[in-house]
Amino acid sequence: MNMAGCSTFVRLPHNPPHFNLSPPPFLNPDFSFRGSNTVHNHRPNWPKPLSLRSKSALAGTYPLEMPDWNRTALLVIDMQKDFIEDGGPMLVKGGKEIVPNVIKAVEVARQRGILVVWVVREHDPLGRDVELFRRHLYTEGKVGPTSEGSEGAELVDGLVIKEGDYKLVKTRFSAFFATHLHSVLQGAGIKSLVVTGVQTPNCIRQTVYDAVALDYQPVTVIVDATAAATPDIHLANLSDMKNIGVATPTLQEWSEPKA
C-alpha cells in the first residue's frame, strides 16, 4: 500500500507527571536567603513607622520657583463641625489640632491676594445624594451628617467666608467630582492650587489627584494644615502625593515672605 503523503503516528510511552510534594525550602526553619539582604530567621527590616520620621523629609525644599499668587487658589476642605468638633458624627481625630493652622493659611492667602475656595459637604436631609454606603445615617426624623442647613454643616469657629471668597458644595470625596470647580478656577485664571483641611486619605487625596490629572501646577498640600484619623495615615498619604509631584511644605515654609 502506498503511504506517500500520509502522516505516520507513533504512540509514545505514557510517563505520568511527577509532582514534588515536599514543602518549599523557605518554609524550613533553618533556611536563609543569600544575598545583599540576608535574612536569618529574623523579621524583615521594614521601614520605621511613618510617625517616627521627620515631617521635614516630606517638605524638602520649598518653593522650587516663585509662585504666581494671582493664579493660585487655596482650597479649604470640609472644615465643618460634624468633621472637627468632639462628638461629631464624622469626627476626624486629627482635625481639631489643625484649626489654628488653617485659620493662619487663610489669613496668608488673603494677604497675598489668593482666591479662597471653601469646599464643604452639604447633603439632602433625606440622604438622597449621599454615597450608598452611608445612606443608613439619613432617616426621617434624624439629622444626618452635614445635612444642608444643619449646625453640623457649618464651618468651625474661627473660619469665616468673606466677600470675594467662593463656596463650593460637594457630595463626594473629590471637590472636582460632579461640581463646577474646574470651570470656576479656569474662569478665574487659576493655574496652581494649595490644599488644606480634612481628611487626607479621602477628600484631600482625591481632590489632589484630580487636580494633578487636570494639569494644575503646582499642587501644594500644607502638611500641618491637613489631617487624618492618625499621624501614620496622614503621612503615608502625603508621601504618595509627593511621589506624583505634589509639594508638601509646612505652614511656616509656605508662609515665609520669600515664598
Protein backbone atom coordinates (compact mmCIF):
# COMPACT_ATOMS: atom_id res chain seq x y z
CA MET A 1 0.00 0.00 0.00
CA ASN A 2 1.39 3.40 -0.98
CA MET A 3 1.74 5.53 2.17
CA ALA A 4 3.26 8.54 0.41
CA GLY A 5 1.71 11.81 1.52
CA CYS A 6 0.31 10.27 4.70
CA SER A 7 1.50 11.08 8.22
CA THR A 8 2.73 8.30 10.44
CA PHE A 9 1.53 8.37 14.07
CA VAL A 10 3.72 6.78 16.71
CA ARG A 11 2.31 6.06 20.15
CA LEU A 12 4.77 7.25 22.78
CA PRO A 13 5.08 5.56 26.13
CA HIS A 14 3.00 7.24 28.87
CA ASN A 15 5.07 8.87 31.57
CA PRO A 16 2.86 10.23 34.34
CA PRO A 17 3.89 13.69 35.59
CA HIS A 18 5.92 13.82 38.75
CA PHE A 19 4.87 16.31 41.41
CA ASN A 20 7.28 17.38 44.12
CA LEU A 21 5.11 17.49 47.21
CA SER A 22 7.88 18.46 49.62
CA PRO A 23 7.49 21.91 51.23
CA PRO A 24 9.29 24.83 49.61
CA PRO A 25 12.74 25.45 51.12
CA PHE A 26 11.84 28.83 52.64
CA LEU A 27 9.41 27.07 55.00
CA ASN A 28 12.32 25.21 56.53
CA PRO A 29 13.20 26.97 59.81
CA ASP A 30 16.91 26.63 59.04
CA PHE A 31 16.62 28.15 55.59
CA SER A 32 18.19 31.56 54.94
CA PHE A 33 18.11 33.84 51.92
CA ARG A 34 21.52 34.63 50.49
CA GLY A 35 22.40 37.96 49.02
CA SER A 36 22.82 41.59 50.00
CA ASN A 37 19.79 41.47 52.31
CA THR A 38 20.37 38.20 54.16
CA VAL A 39 17.61 37.06 56.47
CA HIS A 40 18.35 34.51 59.18
CA ASN A 41 15.12 33.69 60.99
CA HIS A 42 14.56 37.39 61.73
CA ARG A 43 11.75 39.78 60.93
CA PRO A 44 12.45 41.63 57.66
CA ASN A 45 13.97 45.06 58.04
CA TRP A 46 10.81 47.04 57.29
CA PRO A 47 10.96 50.85 57.29
CA LYS A 48 10.23 52.54 60.59
CA PRO A 49 6.62 53.67 61.13
CA LEU A 50 5.96 56.96 59.40
CA SER A 51 5.09 58.63 62.69
CA LEU A 52 8.72 58.16 63.76
CA ARG A 53 10.08 60.02 60.76
CA SER A 54 10.56 63.76 60.50
CA LYS A 55 7.92 65.72 58.61
CA SER A 56 10.75 67.79 57.22
CA ALA A 57 11.57 64.88 54.93
CA LEU A 58 8.22 65.45 53.27
CA ALA A 59 8.75 69.15 52.96
CA GLY A 60 12.07 69.10 51.10
CA THR A 61 12.98 72.43 49.54
CA TYR A 62 10.03 74.76 49.01
CA PRO A 63 9.35 76.52 46.75
CA LEU A 64 11.23 75.41 43.68
CA GLU A 65 10.22 78.65 41.98
CA MET A 66 8.31 81.79 42.89
CA PRO A 67 4.57 81.04 42.69
CA ASP A 68 2.20 83.42 40.93
CA TRP A 69 -0.26 84.13 43.73
CA ASN A 70 -2.71 85.84 41.36
CA ARG A 71 -3.10 82.50 39.61
CA THR A 72 -3.33 80.45 42.81
CA ALA A 73 -6.34 79.27 44.81
CA LEU A 74 -6.45 77.98 48.38
CA LEU A 75 -8.90 75.10 48.89
CA VAL A 76 -10.19 74.72 52.46
CA ILE A 77 -11.83 71.30 52.52
CA ASP A 78 -14.52 70.03 54.93
CA MET A 79 -13.58 72.14 57.96
CA GLN A 80 -17.12 71.70 59.27
CA LYS A 81 -18.38 70.99 62.77
CA ASP A 82 -19.51 67.42 62.03
CA PHE A 83 -15.94 66.59 60.97
CA ILE A 84 -13.98 68.62 63.51
CA GLU A 85 -15.83 69.07 66.81
CA ASP A 86 -15.78 66.46 69.57
CA GLY A 87 -18.81 64.21 69.29
CA GLY A 88 -19.30 64.96 65.61
CA PRO A 89 -20.78 62.02 63.69
CA MET A 90 -17.96 62.16 61.11
CA LEU A 91 -15.17 63.16 63.50
CA VAL A 92 -11.63 63.20 62.08
CA LYS A 93 -9.44 62.81 65.16
CA GLY A 94 -6.61 64.97 63.88
CA GLY A 95 -8.89 67.74 62.64
CA LYS A 96 -9.20 69.89 65.74
CA GLU A 97 -5.42 70.29 66.06
CA ILE A 98 -5.06 71.90 62.64
CA VAL A 99 -7.78 74.55 63.04
CA PRO A 100 -5.30 77.31 64.05
CA ASN A 101 -3.06 76.50 61.09
CA VAL A 102 -5.96 76.53 58.64
CA ILE A 103 -7.01 79.92 60.02
CA LYS A 104 -3.44 81.17 59.51
CA ALA A 105 -3.28 79.74 55.97
CA VAL A 106 -6.47 81.62 55.08
CA GLU A 107 -5.02 84.85 56.50
CA VAL A 108 -1.82 84.46 54.48
CA ALA A 109 -3.82 83.66 51.35
CA ARG A 110 -5.88 86.83 51.68
CA GLN A 111 -2.75 88.91 52.24
CA ARG A 112 -1.30 87.53 49.01
CA GLY A 113 -4.46 88.03 47.01
CA ILE A 114 -5.03 84.27 46.66
CA LEU A 115 -8.58 83.16 45.87
CA VAL A 116 -10.00 81.28 48.88
CA VAL A 117 -12.37 78.43 47.98
CA TRP A 118 -14.41 76.90 50.80
CA VAL A 119 -15.17 73.29 49.83
CA VAL A 120 -17.92 71.83 52.00
CA ARG A 121 -20.17 68.80 52.13
CA GLU A 122 -23.86 69.57 52.27
CA HIS A 123 -26.37 66.78 51.80
CA ASP A 124 -30.07 66.44 51.24
CA PRO A 125 -31.61 65.84 54.70
CA LEU A 126 -33.03 62.52 53.47
CA GLY A 127 -29.65 61.44 52.15
CA ARG A 128 -30.72 61.10 48.54
CA ASP A 129 -27.41 62.50 47.28
CA VAL A 130 -25.20 60.57 49.72
CA GLU A 131 -22.93 57.62 48.87
CA LEU A 132 -24.80 54.34 49.19
CA PHE A 133 -22.52 53.06 51.93
CA ARG A 134 -23.64 55.79 54.36
CA ARG A 135 -27.27 56.37 53.49
CA HIS A 136 -28.30 54.50 56.62
CA LEU A 137 -27.22 57.61 58.57
CA TYR A 138 -30.04 59.61 56.99
CA THR A 139 -33.59 58.78 58.02
CA GLU A 140 -36.77 60.75 58.56
CA GLY A 141 -36.72 62.50 61.90
CA LYS A 142 -32.92 62.24 62.19
CA VAL A 143 -30.45 64.88 61.05
CA GLY A 144 -27.72 63.16 59.04
CA PRO A 145 -24.09 64.35 58.90
CA THR A 146 -23.57 67.75 57.23
CA SER A 147 -27.22 67.93 56.19
CA GLU A 148 -27.99 71.18 54.40
CA GLY A 149 -28.94 73.86 56.90
CA SER A 150 -27.83 71.88 59.95
CA GLU A 151 -25.41 73.13 62.61
CA GLY A 152 -23.03 70.30 61.78
CA ALA A 153 -22.64 71.59 58.23
CA GLU A 154 -21.37 74.96 59.49
CA LEU A 155 -17.69 75.88 59.44
CA VAL A 156 -15.88 75.56 62.75
CA ASP A 157 -15.39 78.68 64.85
CA GLY A 158 -12.64 80.93 63.53
CA LEU A 159 -13.23 80.15 59.86
CA VAL A 160 -15.40 82.71 58.10
CA ILE A 161 -16.37 83.11 54.46
CA LYS A 162 -15.73 86.71 53.40
CA GLU A 163 -16.57 88.79 50.37
CA GLY A 164 -14.51 87.68 47.43
CA ASP A 165 -14.24 84.08 48.66
CA TYR A 166 -16.00 81.25 46.86
CA LYS A 167 -18.09 78.48 48.44
CA LEU A 168 -18.33 75.14 46.67
CA VAL A 169 -20.70 72.37 47.75
CA LYS A 170 -19.73 68.77 47.00
CA THR A 171 -21.38 65.44 47.75
CA ARG A 172 -18.44 63.12 47.15
CA PHE A 173 -14.79 62.91 48.19
CA SER A 174 -13.26 64.92 45.35
CA ALA A 175 -14.05 68.61 45.09
CA PHE A 176 -13.97 68.16 41.30
CA PHE A 177 -16.44 65.26 41.08
CA ALA A 178 -19.83 66.37 39.68
CA THR A 179 -19.12 70.02 40.57
CA HIS A 180 -18.26 73.13 38.57
CA LEU A 181 -14.98 73.76 40.47
CA HIS A 182 -12.76 73.32 37.41
CA SER A 183 -14.85 75.79 35.40
CA VAL A 184 -14.73 78.36 38.20
CA LEU A 185 -10.97 78.03 38.56
CA GLN A 186 -10.37 78.19 34.83
CA GLY A 187 -12.58 81.27 34.56
CA ALA A 188 -10.53 82.96 37.29
CA GLY A 189 -7.27 82.14 35.54
CA ILE A 190 -6.15 79.78 38.30
CA LYS A 191 -3.18 77.55 37.44
CA SER A 192 -2.00 76.30 40.83
CA LEU A 193 -3.70 75.04 43.99
CA VAL A 194 -2.91 74.97 47.71
CA VAL A 195 -4.90 72.46 49.77
CA THR A 196 -5.84 72.44 53.47
CA GLY A 197 -8.48 70.64 55.54
CA VAL A 198 -9.61 67.05 56.17
CA GLN A 199 -9.22 64.29 55.69
CA THR A 200 -6.00 63.27 54.00
CA PRO A 201 -6.84 59.77 52.65
CA ASN A 202 -10.28 60.72 51.35
CA CYS A 203 -11.29 64.23 50.28
CA ILE A 204 -7.77 65.69 50.31
CA ARG A 205 -6.22 62.85 48.34
CA GLN A 206 -8.96 62.51 45.73
CA THR A 207 -9.14 66.26 45.17
CA VAL A 208 -5.35 66.44 44.79
CA TYR A 209 -5.18 63.53 42.36
CA ASP A 210 -7.93 65.08 40.24
CA ALA A 211 -6.09 68.41 40.31
CA VAL A 212 -2.92 66.74 39.08
CA ALA A 213 -4.88 64.94 36.35
CA LEU A 214 -6.32 68.30 35.27
CA ASP A 215 -2.78 69.72 35.00
CA TYR A 216 -2.87 72.25 37.82
CA GLN A 217 0.75 73.06 38.54
CA PRO A 218 2.00 73.21 41.16
CA VAL A 219 -0.38 71.47 43.55
CA THR A 220 0.59 72.05 47.18
CA VAL A 221 -0.65 70.30 50.32
CA ILE A 222 0.28 72.04 53.58
CA VAL A 223 1.31 69.14 55.80
CA ASP A 224 0.34 70.67 59.15
CA ALA A 225 -2.88 72.27 57.87
CA THR A 226 -4.29 68.91 56.76
CA ALA A 227 -5.13 65.90 58.92
CA ALA A 228 -6.38 62.33 59.14
CA ALA A 229 -7.52 59.92 61.85
CA THR A 230 -3.90 59.04 62.76
CA PRO A 231 -0.47 60.51 62.02
CA ASP A 232 0.61 57.38 60.15
CA ILE A 233 -2.39 57.52 57.81
CA HIS A 234 -1.76 61.21 57.26
CA LEU A 235 1.94 60.87 56.47
CA ALA A 236 1.52 57.77 54.30
CA ASN A 237 -0.92 59.62 52.05
CA LEU A 238 1.27 62.72 51.95
CA SER A 239 4.15 60.51 50.82
CA ASP A 240 2.02 59.10 47.99
CA MET A 241 1.06 62.58 46.87
CA LYS A 242 4.64 63.82 46.99
CA ASN A 243 5.56 60.91 44.71
CA ILE A 244 3.30 62.33 41.97
CA GLY A 245 4.88 65.77 42.13
CA VAL A 246 2.78 67.43 44.83
CA ALA A 247 4.60 69.96 47.03
CA THR A 248 4.31 69.24 50.76
CA PRO A 249 5.60 72.21 52.80
CA THR A 250 4.80 73.05 56.39
CA LEU A 251 2.68 76.12 57.06
CA GLN A 252 5.78 78.06 58.14
CA GLU A 253 7.61 77.20 54.92
CA TRP A 254 4.61 78.15 52.80
CA SER A 255 4.07 81.39 54.75
CA GLU A 256 7.62 82.67 54.56
CA PRO A 257 7.87 86.02 52.70
CA LYS A 258 10.43 84.61 50.26
CA ALA A 259 7.75 82.14 49.08
